Amino acid sequence: MSDLPKKRGSWTELSTEVKYDNPWIQVSESQILNPNGGKGIYGVVHFKNLAIGVIPIDEEGNTWIVGQERFPFDGKYTWEIIEGGGPLEDDPVDSARRELLEEAGLKAEKMTLIQEMDLSNSATTEHVKIYVATGLTQHETNPDETEKLDIKKVSFEELYNMVLSGEVIDSLSVTGVLKYKILKDAGQI
């Protein structure tokens, strides 16, 4: 436990203690003074990987999505863009290429960054990069041992409608699909 006060912008961290740590996340609890001088506690989930999202687009305007059960939501089944994590010290494009091959069995000639964002900046340090992959070739998938994925090829417009109807609600997927649609319709990508 650290007892040294530390300034974090207009916040003051009086002390911090790691409450949980595994290979993917660390959870800390800090005693703080908020910007108005009030005392309190603040819990933060520190992510040890960069979150990656990839929207593969072929020459006909099709894309691939994956369906899977998500443990944090009691096994709820979701459709998502290609997603995963990459070590913070690795080139994010390399991580995006690895995820694309693992989950969809695709390799891309070109990866274009379309969005960066913080997922939940009030409680986590998780940062995201979302790419569009083009110039695709098909290969074998190689999902992680923890993944049981259904892969579906759909038109991008169908995926866009899945987002609009609320069938796809994952934050990386929603953000990436809406951003790509805006860029595509404006002729910027």
C-alpha atoms as a PDB file:
ATOM      1  CA  MET A   1       0.000   0.000   0.000  1.00  0.00           C
ATOM      2  CA  SER A   2       1.325   3.432  -0.958  1.00  0.00           C
ATOM      3  CA  ASP A   3       0.809   6.329   1.451  1.00  0.00           C
ATOM      4  CA  LEU A   4       2.361   9.024  -0.718  1.00  0.00           C
ATOM      5  CA  PRO A   5      -0.142  11.616  -2.024  1.00  0.00           C
ATOM      6  CA  LYS A   6      -0.119  11.812  -5.809  1.00  0.00           C
ATOM      7  CA  LYS A   7      -1.787  14.423  -8.013  1.00  0.00           C
ATOM      8  CA  ARG A   8      -3.945  13.084 -10.868  1.00  0.00           C
ATOM      9  CA  GLY A   9      -5.046  16.287 -12.536  1.00  0.00           C
ATOM     10  CA  SER A  10      -7.281  18.017  -9.968  1.00  0.00           C
ATOM     11  CA  TRP A  11      -7.708  14.733  -8.045  1.00  0.00           C
ATOM     12  CA  THR A  12      -5.368  13.721  -5.210  1.00  0.00           C
ATOM     13  CA  GLU A  13      -4.633  10.047  -4.600  1.00  0.00           C
ATOM     14  CA  LEU A  14      -3.837   9.690  -0.914  1.00  0.00           C
ATOM     15  CA  SER A  15      -3.091   5.962  -1.064  1.00  0.00           C
ATOM     16  CA  THR A  16      -3.741   2.998  -3.319  1.00  0.00           C
ATOM     17  CA  GLU A  17      -3.931  -0.738  -2.799  1.00  0.00           C
ATOM     18  CA  VAL A  18      -4.106  -3.554  -5.345  1.00  0.00           C
ATOM     19  CA  LYS A  19      -7.172  -5.628  -4.522  1.00  0.00           C
ATOM     20  CA  TYR A  20      -6.939  -8.155  -7.360  1.00  0.00           C
ATOM     21  CA  ASP A  21      -4.411  -9.056 -10.054  1.00  0.00           C
ATOM     22  CA  ASN A  22      -4.360 -11.606 -12.892  1.00  0.00           C
ATOM     23  CA  PRO A  23      -2.647 -11.753 -16.315  1.00  0.00           C
ATOM     24  CA  TRP A  24      -5.338  -9.543 -17.934  1.00  0.00           C
ATOM     25  CA  ILE A  25      -6.477  -7.021 -15.327  1.00  0.00           C
ATOM     26  CA  GLN A  26      -5.506  -5.433 -12.052  1.00  0.00           C
ATOM     27  CA  VAL A  27      -8.082  -3.876  -9.729  1.00  0.00           C
ATOM     28  CA  SER A  28      -6.947  -1.145  -7.377  1.00  0.00           C
ATOM     29  CA  GLU A  29      -8.713   0.902  -4.740  1.00  0.00           C
ATOM     30  CA  SER A  30      -7.517   4.407  -3.981  1.00  0.00           C
ATOM     31  CA  GLN A  31      -8.304   6.757  -1.128  1.00  0.00           C
ATOM     32  CA  ILE A  32      -8.816  10.108  -2.834  1.00  0.00           C
ATOM     33  CA  LEU A  33      -9.622  13.760  -2.527  1.00  0.00           C
ATOM     34  CA  ASN A  34     -11.986  14.678  -5.359  1.00  0.00           C
ATOM     35  CA  PRO A  35     -11.590  17.959  -7.311  1.00  0.00           C
ATOM     36  CA  ASN A  36     -13.853  19.709  -4.757  1.00  0.00           C
ATOM     37  CA  GLY A  37     -11.745  18.515  -1.814  1.00  0.00           C
ATOM     38  CA  GLY A  38     -14.087  15.772  -0.585  1.00  0.00           C
ATOM     39  CA  LYS A  39     -12.706  12.447   0.604  1.00  0.00           C
ATOM     40  CA  GLY A  40     -13.717   9.207  -1.034  1.00  0.00           C
ATOM     41  CA  ILE A  41     -12.632   5.948  -2.590  1.00  0.00           C
ATOM     42  CA  TYR A  42     -12.099   5.160  -6.241  1.00  0.00           C
ATOM     43  CA  GLY A  43     -11.815   1.687  -7.736  1.00  0.00           C
ATOM     44  CA  VAL A  44     -10.084   1.265 -11.093  1.00  0.00           C
ATOM     45  CA  VAL A  45      -9.779  -1.764 -13.366  1.00  0.00           C
ATOM     46  CA  HIS A  46      -6.390  -1.502 -15.104  1.00  0.00           C
ATOM     47  CA  PHE A  47      -6.298  -3.435 -18.369  1.00  0.00           C
ATOM     48  CA  LYS A  48      -3.015  -5.083 -19.322  1.00  0.00           C
ATOM     49  CA  ASN A  49      -3.895  -5.310 -23.029  1.00  0.00           C
ATOM     50  CA  LEU A  50      -5.126  -2.976 -25.715  1.00  0.00           C
ATOM     51  CA  ALA A  51      -8.610  -3.836 -26.984  1.00  0.00           C
ATOM     52  CA  ILE A  52      -8.739  -4.431 -30.738  1.00  0.00           C
ATOM     53  CA  GLY A  53     -11.683  -4.441 -33.121  1.00  0.00           C
ATOM     54  CA  VAL A  54     -11.561  -5.341 -36.828  1.00  0.00           C
ATOM     55  CA  ILE A  55     -14.205  -4.959 -39.521  1.00  0.00           C
ATOM     56  CA  PRO A  56     -13.128  -6.996 -42.557  1.00  0.00           C
ATOM     57  CA  ILE A  57     -14.683  -5.748 -45.806  1.00  0.00           C
ATOM     58  CA  ASP A  58     -14.383  -7.724 -49.049  1.00  0.00           C
ATOM     59  CA  GLU A  59     -14.705  -6.390 -52.615  1.00  0.00           C
ATOM     60  CA  GLU A  60     -18.474  -7.050 -52.643  1.00  0.00           C
ATOM     61  CA  GLY A  61     -19.094  -5.129 -49.411  1.00  0.00           C
ATOM     62  CA  ASN A  62     -19.437  -8.197 -47.191  1.00  0.00           C
ATOM     63  CA  THR A  63     -18.051  -8.586 -43.703  1.00  0.00           C
ATOM     64  CA  TRP A  64     -17.600 -11.346 -41.126  1.00  0.00           C
ATOM     65  CA  ILE A  65     -19.020 -11.353 -37.625  1.00  0.00           C
ATOM     66  CA  VAL A  66     -18.584 -13.797 -34.783  1.00  0.00           C
ATOM     67  CA  GLY A  67     -21.201 -15.106 -32.394  1.00  0.00           C
ATOM     68  CA  GLN A  68     -20.338 -16.328 -28.950  1.00  0.00           C
ATOM     69  CA  GLU A  69     -21.530 -16.626 -25.378  1.00  0.00           C
ATOM     70  CA  ARG A  70     -20.149 -13.971 -23.018  1.00  0.00           C
ATOM     71  CA  PHE A  71     -19.392 -15.099 -19.461  1.00  0.00           C
ATOM     72  CA  PRO A  72     -19.855 -11.686 -17.739  1.00  0.00           C
ATOM     73  CA  PHE A  73     -23.442 -11.584 -19.012  1.00  0.00           C
ATOM     74  CA  ASP A  74     -24.401 -15.074 -17.754  1.00  0.00           C
ATOM     75  CA  GLY A  75     -23.521 -16.690 -21.073  1.00  0.00           C
ATOM     76  CA  LYS A  76     -25.629 -14.304 -23.200  1.00  0.00           C
ATOM     77  CA  TYR A  77     -25.066 -14.982 -26.907  1.00  0.00           C
ATOM     78  CA  THR A  78     -23.854 -11.967 -28.903  1.00  0.00           C
ATOM     79  CA  TRP A  79     -22.882 -11.127 -32.466  1.00  0.00           C
ATOM     80  CA  GLU A  80     -19.775  -8.936 -32.733  1.00  0.00           C
ATOM     81  CA  ILE A  81     -17.118  -7.712 -35.102  1.00  0.00           C
ATOM     82  CA  ILE A  82     -13.739  -9.434 -34.820  1.00  0.00           C
ATOM     83  CA  GLU A  83     -12.397  -8.505 -31.379  1.00  0.00           C
ATOM     84  CA  GLY A  84      -9.605  -9.329 -29.024  1.00  0.00           C
ATOM     85  CA  GLY A  85      -6.667  -7.949 -27.134  1.00  0.00           C
ATOM     86  CA  GLY A  86      -3.074  -7.182 -27.845  1.00  0.00           C
ATOM     87  CA  PRO A  87      -0.137  -6.683 -25.512  1.00  0.00           C
ATOM     88  CA  LEU A  88       0.438  -2.976 -24.876  1.00  0.00           C
ATOM     89  CA  GLU A  89       4.043  -3.258 -26.063  1.00  0.00           C
ATOM     90  CA  ASP A  90       3.055  -4.840 -29.438  1.00  0.00           C
ATOM     91  CA  ASP A  91       2.202  -2.947 -32.616  1.00  0.00           C
ATOM     92  CA  PRO A  92      -1.618  -2.703 -32.566  1.00  0.00           C
ATOM     93  CA  VAL A  93      -1.795  -3.488 -36.302  1.00  0.00           C
ATOM     94  CA  ASP A  94       0.005  -6.784 -35.650  1.00  0.00           C
ATOM     95  CA  SER A  95      -2.531  -7.583 -32.914  1.00  0.00           C
ATOM     96  CA  ALA A  96      -5.411  -6.709 -35.257  1.00  0.00           C
ATOM     97  CA  ARG A  97      -3.973  -8.978 -37.969  1.00  0.00           C
ATOM     98  CA  ARG A  98      -3.592 -11.821 -35.463  1.00  0.00           C
ATOM     99  CA  GLU A  99      -7.197 -11.478 -34.245  1.00  0.00           C
ATOM    100  CA  LEU A 100      -8.502 -11.355 -37.815  1.00  0.00           C
ATOM    101  CA  LEU A 101      -6.707 -14.593 -38.688  1.00  0.00           C
ATOM    102  CA  GLU A 102      -7.582 -16.358 -35.414  1.00  0.00           C
ATOM    103  CA  GLU A 103     -11.303 -15.576 -35.436  1.00  0.00           C
ATOM    104  CA  ALA A 104     -12.259 -15.293 -39.115  1.00  0.00           C
ATOM    105  CA  GLY A 105      -9.387 -17.040 -40.900  1.00  0.00           C
ATOM    106  CA  LEU A 106      -8.667 -13.891 -42.887  1.00  0.00           C
ATOM    107  CA  LYS A 107      -5.496 -12.056 -43.860  1.00  0.00           C
ATOM    108  CA  ALA A 108      -5.643  -8.452 -45.022  1.00  0.00           C
ATOM    109  CA  GLU A 109      -3.421  -6.442 -47.343  1.00  0.00           C
ATOM    110  CA  LYS A 110      -4.495  -3.191 -45.708  1.00  0.00           C
ATOM    111  CA  MET A 111      -5.525  -2.241 -42.165  1.00  0.00           C
ATOM    112  CA  THR A 112      -7.002   1.229 -41.698  1.00  0.00           C
ATOM    113  CA  LEU A 113      -7.471   2.687 -38.225  1.00  0.00           C
ATOM    114  CA  ILE A 114     -10.938   4.282 -38.070  1.00  0.00           C
ATOM    115  CA  GLN A 115     -11.515   4.825 -34.345  1.00  0.00           C
ATOM    116  CA  GLU A 116      -9.779   5.024 -30.988  1.00  0.00           C
ATOM    117  CA  MET A 117     -11.693   5.259 -27.733  1.00  0.00           C
ATOM    118  CA  ASP A 118     -11.668   4.611 -24.010  1.00  0.00           C
ATOM    119  CA  LEU A 119     -14.318   2.049 -23.161  1.00  0.00           C
ATOM    120  CA  SER A 120     -15.341   3.114 -19.680  1.00  0.00           C
ATOM    121  CA  ASN A 121     -13.104   5.963 -18.575  1.00  0.00           C
ATOM    122  CA  SER A 122     -14.919   6.397 -15.273  1.00  0.00           C
ATOM    123  CA  ALA A 123     -13.776   3.015 -13.955  1.00  0.00           C
ATOM    124  CA  THR A 124     -11.260   1.393 -16.332  1.00  0.00           C
ATOM    125  CA  THR A 125      -8.105   2.150 -18.281  1.00  0.00           C
ATOM    126  CA  GLU A 126      -9.172   0.034 -21.279  1.00  0.00           C
ATOM    127  CA  HIS A 127      -8.269   1.691 -24.581  1.00  0.00           C
ATOM    128  CA  VAL A 128      -9.542   0.490 -27.977  1.00  0.00           C
ATOM    129  CA  LYS A 129      -8.395   0.702 -31.578  1.00  0.00           C
ATOM    130  CA  ILE A 130     -10.804  -0.287 -34.354  1.00  0.00           C
ATOM    131  CA  TYR A 131      -9.592  -1.108 -37.865  1.00  0.00           C
ATOM    132  CA  VAL A 132     -11.116  -1.822 -41.254  1.00  0.00           C
ATOM    133  CA  ALA A 133      -9.355  -4.686 -43.044  1.00  0.00           C
ATOM    134  CA  THR A 134      -9.370  -4.876 -46.863  1.00  0.00           C
ATOM    135  CA  GLY A 135      -7.632  -6.914 -49.542  1.00  0.00           C
ATOM    136  CA  LEU A 136      -8.735 -10.127 -47.867  1.00  0.00           C
ATOM    137  CA  THR A 137      -7.655 -13.711 -48.427  1.00  0.00           C
ATOM    138  CA  GLN A 138      -9.209 -16.742 -46.715  1.00  0.00           C
ATOM    139  CA  HIS A 139      -7.155 -19.068 -44.490  1.00  0.00           C
ATOM    140  CA  GLU A 140      -7.796 -21.430 -41.578  1.00  0.00           C
ATOM    141  CA  THR A 141      -9.194 -20.049 -38.329  1.00  0.00           C
ATOM    142  CA  ASN A 142      -7.300 -20.604 -35.098  1.00  0.00           C
ATOM    143  CA  PRO A 143      -9.462 -19.372 -32.198  1.00  0.00           C
ATOM    144  CA  ASP A 144      -8.160 -19.143 -28.655  1.00  0.00           C
ATOM    145  CA  GLU A 145      -8.745 -22.179 -26.425  1.00  0.00           C
ATOM    146  CA  THR A 146     -11.399 -20.204 -24.520  1.00  0.00           C
ATOM    147  CA  GLU A 147     -13.381 -19.275 -27.635  1.00  0.00           C
ATOM    148  CA  LYS A 148     -16.244 -21.247 -29.168  1.00  0.00           C
ATOM    149  CA  LEU A 149     -17.164 -19.022 -32.095  1.00  0.00           C
ATOM    150  CA  ASP A 150     -19.786 -19.060 -34.808  1.00  0.00           C
ATOM    151  CA  ILE A 151     -18.568 -17.177 -37.875  1.00  0.00           C
ATOM    152  CA  LYS A 152     -21.047 -15.585 -40.246  1.00  0.00           C
ATOM    153  CA  LYS A 153     -20.449 -13.699 -43.490  1.00  0.00           C
ATOM    154  CA  VAL A 154     -23.029 -10.940 -44.019  1.00  0.00           C
ATOM    155  CA  SER A 155     -23.274  -7.814 -46.121  1.00  0.00           C
ATOM    156  CA  PHE A 156     -22.044  -4.723 -44.322  1.00  0.00           C
ATOM    157  CA  GLU A 157     -25.518  -3.224 -44.758  1.00  0.00           C
ATOM    158  CA  GLU A 158     -27.018  -6.216 -42.928  1.00  0.00           C
ATOM    159  CA  LEU A 159     -24.565  -5.693 -40.059  1.00  0.00           C
ATOM    160  CA  TYR A 160     -25.399  -1.979 -40.038  1.00  0.00           C
ATOM    161  CA  ASN A 161     -29.112  -2.857 -39.752  1.00  0.00           C
ATOM    162  CA  MET A 162     -28.310  -5.321 -36.942  1.00  0.00           C
ATOM    163  CA  VAL A 163     -26.742  -2.411 -35.061  1.00  0.00           C
ATOM    164  CA  LEU A 164     -29.695  -0.097 -35.763  1.00  0.00           C
ATOM    165  CA  SER A 165     -32.221  -2.726 -34.631  1.00  0.00           C
ATOM    166  CA  GLY A 166     -30.342  -3.447 -31.394  1.00  0.00           C
ATOM    167  CA  GLU A 167     -29.441  -7.007 -32.372  1.00  0.00           C
ATOM    168  CA  VAL A 168     -25.746  -6.026 -32.096  1.00  0.00           C
ATOM    169  CA  ILE A 169     -25.054  -4.003 -28.930  1.00  0.00           C
ATOM    170  CA  ASP A 170     -21.370  -4.654 -28.152  1.00  0.00           C
ATOM    171  CA  SER A 171     -19.657  -1.256 -27.843  1.00  0.00           C
ATOM    172  CA  LEU A 172     -16.725  -1.959 -30.197  1.00  0.00           C
ATOM    173  CA  SER A 173     -19.099  -3.337 -32.817  1.00  0.00           C
ATOM    174  CA  VAL A 174     -21.602  -0.480 -32.580  1.00  0.00           C
ATOM    175  CA  THR A 175     -18.920   2.208 -32.665  1.00  0.00           C
ATOM    176  CA  GLY A 176     -16.933   0.579 -35.452  1.00  0.00           C
ATOM    177  CA  VAL A 177     -19.955  -0.101 -37.654  1.00  0.00           C
ATOM    178  CA  LEU A 178     -21.390   3.395 -37.261  1.00  0.00           C
ATOM    179  CA  LYS A 179     -18.008   5.036 -37.864  1.00  0.00           C
ATOM    180  CA  TYR A 180     -17.334   2.921 -40.964  1.00  0.00           C
ATOM    181  CA  LYS A 181     -20.817   3.721 -42.324  1.00  0.00           C
ATOM    182  CA  ILE A 182     -20.204   7.466 -41.896  1.00  0.00           C
ATOM    183  CA  LEU A 183     -16.764   7.296 -43.519  1.00  0.00           C
ATOM    184  CA  LYS A 184     -18.020   5.077 -46.370  1.00  0.00           C
ATOM    185  CA  ASP A 185     -21.050   7.263 -47.101  1.00  0.00           C
ATOM    186  CA  ALA A 186     -18.813  10.365 -47.110  1.00  0.00           C
ATOM    187  CA  GLY A 187     -16.413   8.671 -49.562  1.00  0.00           C
ATOM    188  CA  GLN A 188     -13.553   8.907 -47.049  1.00  0.00           C
ATOM    189  CA  ILE A 189     -12.775   5.196 -47.002  1.00  0.00           C
END
